[in-house]
Amino acid sequence: MLSSYSSNVVLAKARAMYGRRLTKQNYTDMLACRSVNEIASYLKTRTAYSNILSGINDAEIHRGRLETLLRQKIFEDSAALCRYEISVGERFSQYLQQRAETEQIMHSVMHLMAGSPEEYLFTMPAYLNRHTRIDLPALGRIKNYEDLLNALSHTHYYKILQRFRPIQGQPIDYYGIENALYQDLYALCYRIIKEHTHGETRQQLTQLFHVYMDLENYDSIIRLKFNYHAGPDFIRSSLFPFGTLKERHIAALLEAETPEEARKALASTSIGKRILKADTSEELLSMQIEYGECRKKIRFSTHPSVVMLSYIFLMQIELHDITNIIEGVRYQVPSDDISNLLTIIHFP
């Protein structure tokens, strides 16, 4: 009885929270803003972000501070939803925490590579200190890679980053670190699904993550092959060992001479059929498909953990779109060009 009641609460709460998402008109309005301050004021007065932004001075707020507050809202809303889901909600709270920690480690590495590691302190999300085992201020005090390892020595991230300790005179392997950290994150998700779910719930969650992983790997191949002209060995080493793409599918993608040929190479696969149906640019392709999958699940699935995870993914896409607008307006990019980078406003 309690389980049934909890399930109904999660389903209702997740859908109600999703109902407060930004609309296409909200995106259109933000694209018309002329400054980050105008965007902050709009989000504060016209959207569900009003509570988290209520104490700010939108005439003076810094872009980094605004983005941190938006991340805080989505993190806390998602974490609150996880607490209602009594079967695996606590487990997916671990996913939220580890994803946030991974993002912070990569921010710190990026600042270290730029020669200004202390800059991390200006974007450090103070709210995360209540949830993380990482000493976030220590990430802003590092001077070199050894300092980074020491700051993470009490966490499981130490063993991961230790593998990438740079040889003297060699640059930090940013992409190798990023790939290893996210591979560890996604492995956690698959363990949660395998060990703590069953039946149709497990099937739907696995399918959701398979789609996500297939799209991530497809994106990596297209970007590395056609944008950076990377070799096949490097591309293979950059792929996640999850999803449904087989070796023959990867080989076909690597042999394709154009992105169009790559799309057609996957025509016989589940993800390939979704890709071929999508009438959008390569830049928006993955998020459009992911958005469609999650929106369908949040509306029609009867499994609380599936609806909960779909909500989390959808809000991450919303945050991605808002951040693109903030960055675009900040650098005075034409609104049409910013719009071309957005997922939700172009969804059918």
Protein backbone atom coordinates (compact mmCIF):
# COMPACT_ATOMS: atom_id res chain seq x y z
CA MET A 1 0.00 0.00 0.00
CA LEU A 2 2.82 2.39 0.97
CA SER A 3 4.74 1.45 -2.17
CA SER A 4 1.71 2.14 -4.38
CA TYR A 5 1.10 5.48 -2.67
CA SER A 6 4.76 6.47 -3.05
CA SER A 7 4.67 5.52 -6.73
CA ASN A 8 1.65 7.72 -7.36
CA VAL A 9 3.30 10.61 -5.51
CA VAL A 10 6.46 10.36 -7.64
CA LEU A 11 4.51 10.16 -10.88
CA ALA A 12 2.33 13.13 -9.97
CA LYS A 13 5.16 15.24 -8.56
CA ALA A 14 7.54 14.62 -11.50
CA ARG A 15 4.86 15.50 -14.04
CA ALA A 16 3.84 18.60 -12.07
CA MET A 17 7.46 19.75 -11.91
CA TYR A 18 7.87 19.09 -15.62
CA GLY A 19 4.72 21.14 -16.21
CA ARG A 20 6.61 24.18 -14.89
CA ARG A 21 9.32 23.84 -17.55
CA LEU A 22 10.20 26.71 -19.85
CA THR A 23 7.95 27.10 -22.88
CA LYS A 24 8.98 27.87 -26.44
CA GLN A 25 7.74 31.41 -25.85
CA ASN A 26 10.11 31.71 -22.89
CA TYR A 27 13.02 30.80 -25.15
CA THR A 28 11.87 33.27 -27.79
CA ASP A 29 11.64 36.00 -25.14
CA MET A 30 15.13 35.25 -23.81
CA LEU A 31 16.59 35.31 -27.31
CA ALA A 32 15.29 38.89 -27.56
CA CYS A 33 17.17 39.95 -24.41
CA ARG A 34 20.15 42.22 -24.97
CA SER A 35 22.22 41.33 -21.90
CA VAL A 36 22.80 38.64 -19.28
CA ASN A 37 21.16 40.97 -16.75
CA GLU A 38 17.96 41.08 -18.84
CA ILE A 39 17.94 37.28 -19.00
CA ALA A 40 18.38 37.09 -15.22
CA SER A 41 15.51 39.53 -14.71
CA TYR A 42 13.29 37.59 -17.09
CA LEU A 43 14.00 34.24 -15.41
CA LYS A 44 13.47 35.84 -12.00
CA THR A 45 10.08 37.37 -12.82
CA ARG A 46 8.55 35.15 -15.50
CA THR A 47 9.59 31.53 -14.87
CA ALA A 48 9.81 28.75 -12.28
CA TYR A 49 13.37 29.89 -11.53
CA SER A 50 11.93 32.86 -9.61
CA ASN A 51 12.46 31.37 -6.13
CA ILE A 52 16.14 30.51 -6.61
CA LEU A 53 16.77 33.96 -8.13
CA SER A 54 14.63 35.95 -5.70
CA GLY A 55 17.56 37.29 -3.68
CA ILE A 56 19.76 38.40 -6.55
CA ASN A 57 20.34 41.87 -7.90
CA ASP A 58 19.67 41.11 -11.55
CA ALA A 59 21.25 44.42 -12.58
CA GLU A 60 24.63 43.28 -11.28
CA ILE A 61 24.66 39.47 -11.34
CA HIS A 62 27.65 37.82 -12.99
CA ARG A 63 27.08 35.25 -15.70
CA GLY A 64 28.88 32.52 -13.72
CA ARG A 65 26.79 33.20 -10.63
CA LEU A 66 23.56 33.05 -12.65
CA GLU A 67 24.47 29.71 -14.22
CA THR A 68 25.43 28.30 -10.80
CA LEU A 69 22.03 29.25 -9.35
CA LEU A 70 20.22 27.64 -12.28
CA ARG A 71 22.24 24.45 -11.76
CA GLN A 72 21.43 24.59 -8.07
CA LYS A 73 17.69 24.66 -8.72
CA ILE A 74 17.78 21.70 -11.08
CA PHE A 75 20.09 19.72 -8.79
CA GLU A 76 17.93 20.34 -5.71
CA ASP A 77 14.63 19.71 -7.50
CA SER A 78 15.97 16.44 -8.90
CA ALA A 79 17.39 15.38 -5.54
CA ALA A 80 14.06 16.15 -3.85
CA LEU A 81 12.26 13.99 -6.40
CA CYS A 82 14.70 11.14 -5.75
CA ARG A 83 13.75 11.22 -2.05
CA TYR A 84 10.13 10.45 -2.92
CA GLU A 85 11.06 7.39 -4.97
CA ILE A 86 11.51 4.65 -2.35
CA SER A 87 12.80 1.87 -4.63
CA VAL A 88 15.91 3.31 -6.34
CA GLY A 89 15.57 7.04 -5.72
CA GLU A 90 18.39 7.06 -3.19
CA ARG A 91 20.60 5.25 -5.69
CA PHE A 92 19.93 7.80 -8.42
CA SER A 93 20.76 10.52 -5.91
CA GLN A 94 24.27 9.06 -6.11
CA TYR A 95 24.16 9.59 -9.86
CA LEU A 96 23.19 13.25 -9.39
CA GLN A 97 25.97 13.79 -6.89
CA GLN A 98 28.61 12.03 -8.96
CA ARG A 99 27.60 13.89 -12.11
CA ALA A 100 27.92 17.21 -10.28
CA GLU A 101 31.30 16.17 -8.84
CA THR A 102 32.53 15.10 -12.27
CA GLU A 103 31.56 18.48 -13.71
CA GLN A 104 33.47 20.28 -10.93
CA ILE A 105 36.60 18.19 -11.41
CA MET A 106 36.56 18.93 -15.13
CA HIS A 107 36.08 22.66 -14.46
CA SER A 108 39.09 22.55 -12.17
CA VAL A 109 41.19 20.68 -14.76
CA MET A 110 40.18 23.20 -17.42
CA HIS A 111 41.28 26.14 -15.23
CA LEU A 112 44.54 24.34 -14.40
CA MET A 113 45.31 23.83 -18.09
CA ALA A 114 44.56 27.51 -18.74
CA GLY A 115 47.13 28.49 -16.12
CA SER A 116 44.59 30.07 -13.78
CA PRO A 117 43.39 27.34 -11.37
CA GLU A 118 42.38 29.96 -8.79
CA GLU A 119 39.63 31.10 -11.17
CA TYR A 120 37.68 27.98 -10.18
CA LEU A 121 36.79 29.65 -6.87
CA PHE A 122 34.71 32.26 -8.71
CA THR A 123 32.44 29.60 -10.23
CA MET A 124 32.49 27.08 -7.39
CA PRO A 125 28.90 26.05 -6.50
CA ALA A 126 28.71 26.60 -2.75
CA TYR A 127 25.44 24.64 -2.52
CA LEU A 128 27.26 21.47 -3.58
CA ASN A 129 29.39 21.57 -0.42
CA ARG A 130 26.36 20.22 1.47
CA HIS A 131 26.25 17.12 -0.70
CA THR A 132 29.75 16.29 -1.87
CA ARG A 133 32.72 14.52 -0.29
CA ILE A 134 35.09 16.64 -2.39
CA ASP A 135 36.79 19.62 -0.76
CA LEU A 136 35.69 22.07 -3.45
CA PRO A 137 37.69 25.07 -2.15
CA ALA A 138 40.82 22.87 -2.37
CA LEU A 139 40.23 22.60 -6.13
CA GLY A 140 40.66 26.37 -6.31
CA ARG A 141 43.98 26.26 -4.46
CA ILE A 142 45.77 23.77 -6.69
CA LYS A 143 48.90 24.83 -8.58
CA ASN A 144 49.65 21.63 -10.51
CA TYR A 145 48.38 18.13 -11.24
CA GLU A 146 49.88 16.71 -8.03
CA ASP A 147 47.85 19.23 -6.05
CA LEU A 148 44.74 18.07 -7.90
CA LEU A 149 45.46 14.46 -6.97
CA ASN A 150 46.05 15.43 -3.34
CA ALA A 151 42.75 17.33 -3.24
CA LEU A 152 40.97 14.17 -4.39
CA SER A 153 43.08 11.64 -2.47
CA HIS A 154 40.21 10.68 -0.13
CA THR A 155 37.79 9.94 -2.99
CA HIS A 156 37.52 7.20 -5.59
CA TYR A 157 38.35 9.79 -8.27
CA TYR A 158 41.99 9.65 -7.17
CA LYS A 159 42.58 6.25 -8.79
CA ILE A 160 40.96 7.42 -12.02
CA LEU A 161 42.98 10.62 -12.29
CA GLN A 162 46.19 8.94 -11.16
CA ARG A 163 46.24 7.08 -14.48
CA PHE A 164 46.52 10.41 -16.27
CA ARG A 165 49.39 11.92 -14.25
CA PRO A 166 51.21 13.84 -17.01
CA ILE A 167 54.82 13.18 -17.90
CA GLN A 168 56.97 16.25 -17.30
CA GLY A 169 56.77 18.54 -20.29
CA GLN A 170 53.60 16.91 -21.62
CA PRO A 171 50.13 18.52 -21.54
CA ILE A 172 47.32 17.20 -19.37
CA ASP A 173 45.15 14.66 -21.21
CA TYR A 174 41.87 16.56 -20.76
CA TYR A 175 39.80 14.34 -23.05
CA GLY A 176 41.19 11.15 -21.54
CA ILE A 177 40.29 12.33 -18.03
CA GLU A 178 36.84 13.44 -19.15
CA ASN A 179 36.14 10.11 -20.85
CA ALA A 180 37.32 8.09 -17.84
CA LEU A 181 35.26 10.10 -15.35
CA TYR A 182 32.08 9.91 -17.39
CA GLN A 183 32.63 6.22 -18.10
CA ASP A 184 32.77 5.70 -14.34
CA LEU A 185 29.55 7.73 -13.95
CA TYR A 186 27.64 5.75 -16.57
CA ALA A 187 28.92 2.45 -15.16
CA LEU A 188 27.32 3.51 -11.86
CA CYS A 189 23.98 3.98 -13.63
CA TYR A 190 24.09 0.56 -15.23
CA ARG A 191 24.98 -1.04 -11.86
CA ILE A 192 22.02 0.67 -10.22
CA ILE A 193 19.68 -0.59 -12.92
CA LYS A 194 21.07 -4.14 -12.82
CA GLU A 195 21.22 -4.53 -9.05
CA HIS A 196 18.17 -2.58 -7.87
CA THR A 197 15.47 -2.84 -10.54
CA HIS A 198 13.65 -5.64 -12.28
CA GLY A 199 10.98 -6.43 -14.87
CA GLU A 200 9.61 -3.67 -17.08
CA THR A 201 11.21 -0.94 -14.96
CA ARG A 202 14.65 -2.40 -15.65
CA GLN A 203 13.79 -2.80 -19.33
CA GLN A 204 12.68 0.82 -19.75
CA LEU A 205 15.61 2.26 -17.78
CA THR A 206 18.09 0.16 -19.74
CA GLN A 207 16.52 1.27 -23.01
CA LEU A 208 16.70 4.91 -21.90
CA PHE A 209 20.39 4.63 -21.10
CA HIS A 210 21.15 2.61 -24.23
CA VAL A 211 19.68 5.40 -26.36
CA TYR A 212 21.72 7.96 -24.43
CA MET A 213 24.96 5.97 -24.79
CA ASP A 214 24.40 5.22 -28.49
CA LEU A 215 23.86 8.93 -29.14
CA GLU A 216 26.96 9.88 -27.13
CA ASN A 217 29.09 7.43 -29.11
CA TYR A 218 27.56 8.47 -32.44
CA ASP A 219 28.24 12.11 -31.58
CA SER A 220 31.85 11.35 -30.65
CA ILE A 221 32.50 9.54 -33.92
CA ILE A 222 30.95 12.28 -36.06
CA ARG A 223 32.66 15.12 -34.18
CA LEU A 224 36.10 13.50 -33.99
CA LYS A 225 36.08 12.14 -37.54
CA PHE A 226 34.62 15.06 -39.49
CA ASN A 227 35.45 18.08 -37.30
CA TYR A 228 38.84 17.10 -35.91
CA HIS A 229 39.91 14.49 -38.50
CA ALA A 230 41.01 12.10 -35.76
CA GLY A 231 42.23 8.63 -36.62
CA PRO A 232 40.15 5.48 -36.03
CA ASP A 233 42.27 4.26 -33.10
CA PHE A 234 41.84 7.51 -31.19
CA ILE A 235 38.11 7.59 -31.96
CA ARG A 236 37.64 4.02 -30.72
CA SER A 237 39.50 4.85 -27.50
CA SER A 238 37.08 7.77 -26.93
CA LEU A 239 33.90 5.66 -27.07
CA PHE A 240 31.96 4.46 -24.04
CA PRO A 241 31.66 0.66 -23.66
CA PHE A 242 27.89 0.87 -23.26
CA GLY A 243 24.84 0.93 -25.52
CA THR A 244 23.76 -1.25 -28.42
CA LEU A 245 26.22 -0.31 -31.18
CA LYS A 246 28.17 -3.38 -32.27
CA GLU A 247 31.69 -3.46 -33.69
CA ARG A 248 30.34 -3.69 -37.24
CA HIS A 249 28.27 -0.55 -36.70
CA ILE A 250 31.26 1.36 -35.34
CA ALA A 251 33.38 0.15 -38.28
CA ALA A 252 30.73 1.35 -40.73
CA LEU A 253 30.64 4.78 -39.08
CA LEU A 254 34.43 5.03 -39.22
CA GLU A 255 34.41 4.14 -42.92
CA ALA A 256 31.73 6.70 -43.82
CA GLU A 257 33.06 9.61 -45.88
CA THR A 258 30.35 12.11 -44.95
CA PRO A 259 27.97 12.63 -41.99
CA GLU A 260 25.11 11.73 -44.35
CA GLU A 261 26.74 8.38 -45.11
CA ALA A 262 27.23 7.84 -41.39
CA ARG A 263 23.52 8.32 -40.73
CA LYS A 264 22.65 5.80 -43.44
CA ALA A 265 25.22 3.33 -42.11
CA LEU A 266 23.06 2.83 -39.01
CA ALA A 267 19.79 2.41 -40.91
CA SER A 268 19.25 -1.15 -39.65
CA THR A 269 19.76 -0.32 -35.97
CA SER A 270 17.27 0.99 -33.43
CA ILE A 271 19.21 4.22 -32.88
CA GLY A 272 19.83 4.57 -36.62
CA LYS A 273 16.12 4.56 -37.35
CA ARG A 274 15.64 7.38 -34.85
CA ILE A 275 18.53 9.31 -36.42
CA LEU A 276 17.15 8.92 -39.95
CA LYS A 277 13.71 10.13 -38.83
CA ALA A 278 15.13 13.23 -37.17
CA ASP A 279 14.85 16.28 -39.41
CA THR A 280 17.52 18.38 -37.74
CA SER A 281 21.19 19.34 -37.90
CA GLU A 282 24.01 17.14 -36.61
CA GLU A 283 24.56 19.66 -33.79
CA LEU A 284 21.01 19.19 -32.46
CA LEU A 285 20.49 15.59 -33.47
CA SER A 286 21.38 13.78 -30.24
CA MET A 287 19.61 16.11 -27.84
CA GLN A 288 16.51 16.21 -30.04
CA ILE A 289 16.27 12.42 -29.97
CA GLU A 290 17.04 12.22 -26.25
CA TYR A 291 14.49 14.95 -25.54
CA GLY A 292 11.85 13.08 -27.52
CA GLU A 293 12.54 9.80 -25.75
CA CYS A 294 12.43 11.34 -22.28
CA ARG A 295 9.33 13.40 -23.00
CA LYS A 296 7.53 10.25 -24.15
CA LYS A 297 8.62 8.38 -21.01
CA ILE A 298 7.60 11.14 -18.59
CA ARG A 299 4.14 11.30 -20.15
CA PHE A 300 3.34 7.63 -20.61
CA SER A 301 5.51 5.44 -18.38
CA THR A 302 3.85 4.05 -15.25
CA HIS A 303 7.17 3.33 -13.55
CA PRO A 304 8.24 6.02 -11.04
CA SER A 305 11.99 5.57 -11.48
CA VAL A 306 11.65 5.86 -15.28
CA VAL A 307 9.60 9.06 -14.99
CA MET A 308 12.01 10.42 -12.37
CA LEU A 309 15.09 9.81 -14.53
CA SER A 310 13.34 11.21 -17.60
CA TYR A 311 12.65 14.40 -15.64
CA ILE A 312 16.32 14.65 -14.64
CA PHE A 313 17.47 14.27 -18.25
CA LEU A 314 14.88 16.77 -19.53
CA MET A 315 15.95 19.39 -17.00
CA GLN A 316 19.59 18.92 -17.97
CA ILE A 317 18.60 19.66 -21.57
CA GLU A 318 16.68 22.74 -20.42
CA LEU A 319 19.73 23.97 -18.51
CA HIS A 320 21.91 23.36 -21.58
CA ASP A 321 19.59 25.52 -23.69
CA ILE A 322 19.46 28.35 -21.13
CA THR A 323 23.26 28.30 -20.82
CA ASN A 324 23.62 28.54 -24.60
CA ILE A 325 21.39 31.62 -24.61
CA ILE A 326 23.30 33.24 -21.74
CA GLU A 327 26.66 32.63 -23.41
CA GLY A 328 25.38 33.72 -26.81
CA VAL A 329 23.91 36.98 -25.51
CA ARG A 330 27.03 37.63 -23.46
CA TYR A 331 29.19 37.48 -26.59
CA GLN A 332 26.60 39.30 -28.73
CA VAL A 333 26.00 36.34 -31.06
CA PRO A 334 23.03 36.99 -33.41
CA SER A 335 19.82 35.52 -31.97
CA ASP A 336 19.25 33.30 -35.03
CA ASP A 337 22.67 31.72 -34.53
CA ILE A 338 21.96 31.13 -30.83
CA SER A 339 18.59 29.63 -31.72
CA ASN A 340 20.31 27.13 -33.99
CA LEU A 341 22.07 25.72 -30.91
CA LEU A 342 18.86 25.13 -28.92
CA THR A 343 17.02 21.84 -28.60
CA ILE A 344 13.61 22.48 -27.10
CA ILE A 345 12.53 25.48 -29.16
CA HIS A 346 12.94 23.44 -32.34
CA PHE A 347 11.27 20.27 -31.10
CA PRO A 348 8.12 19.43 -33.12
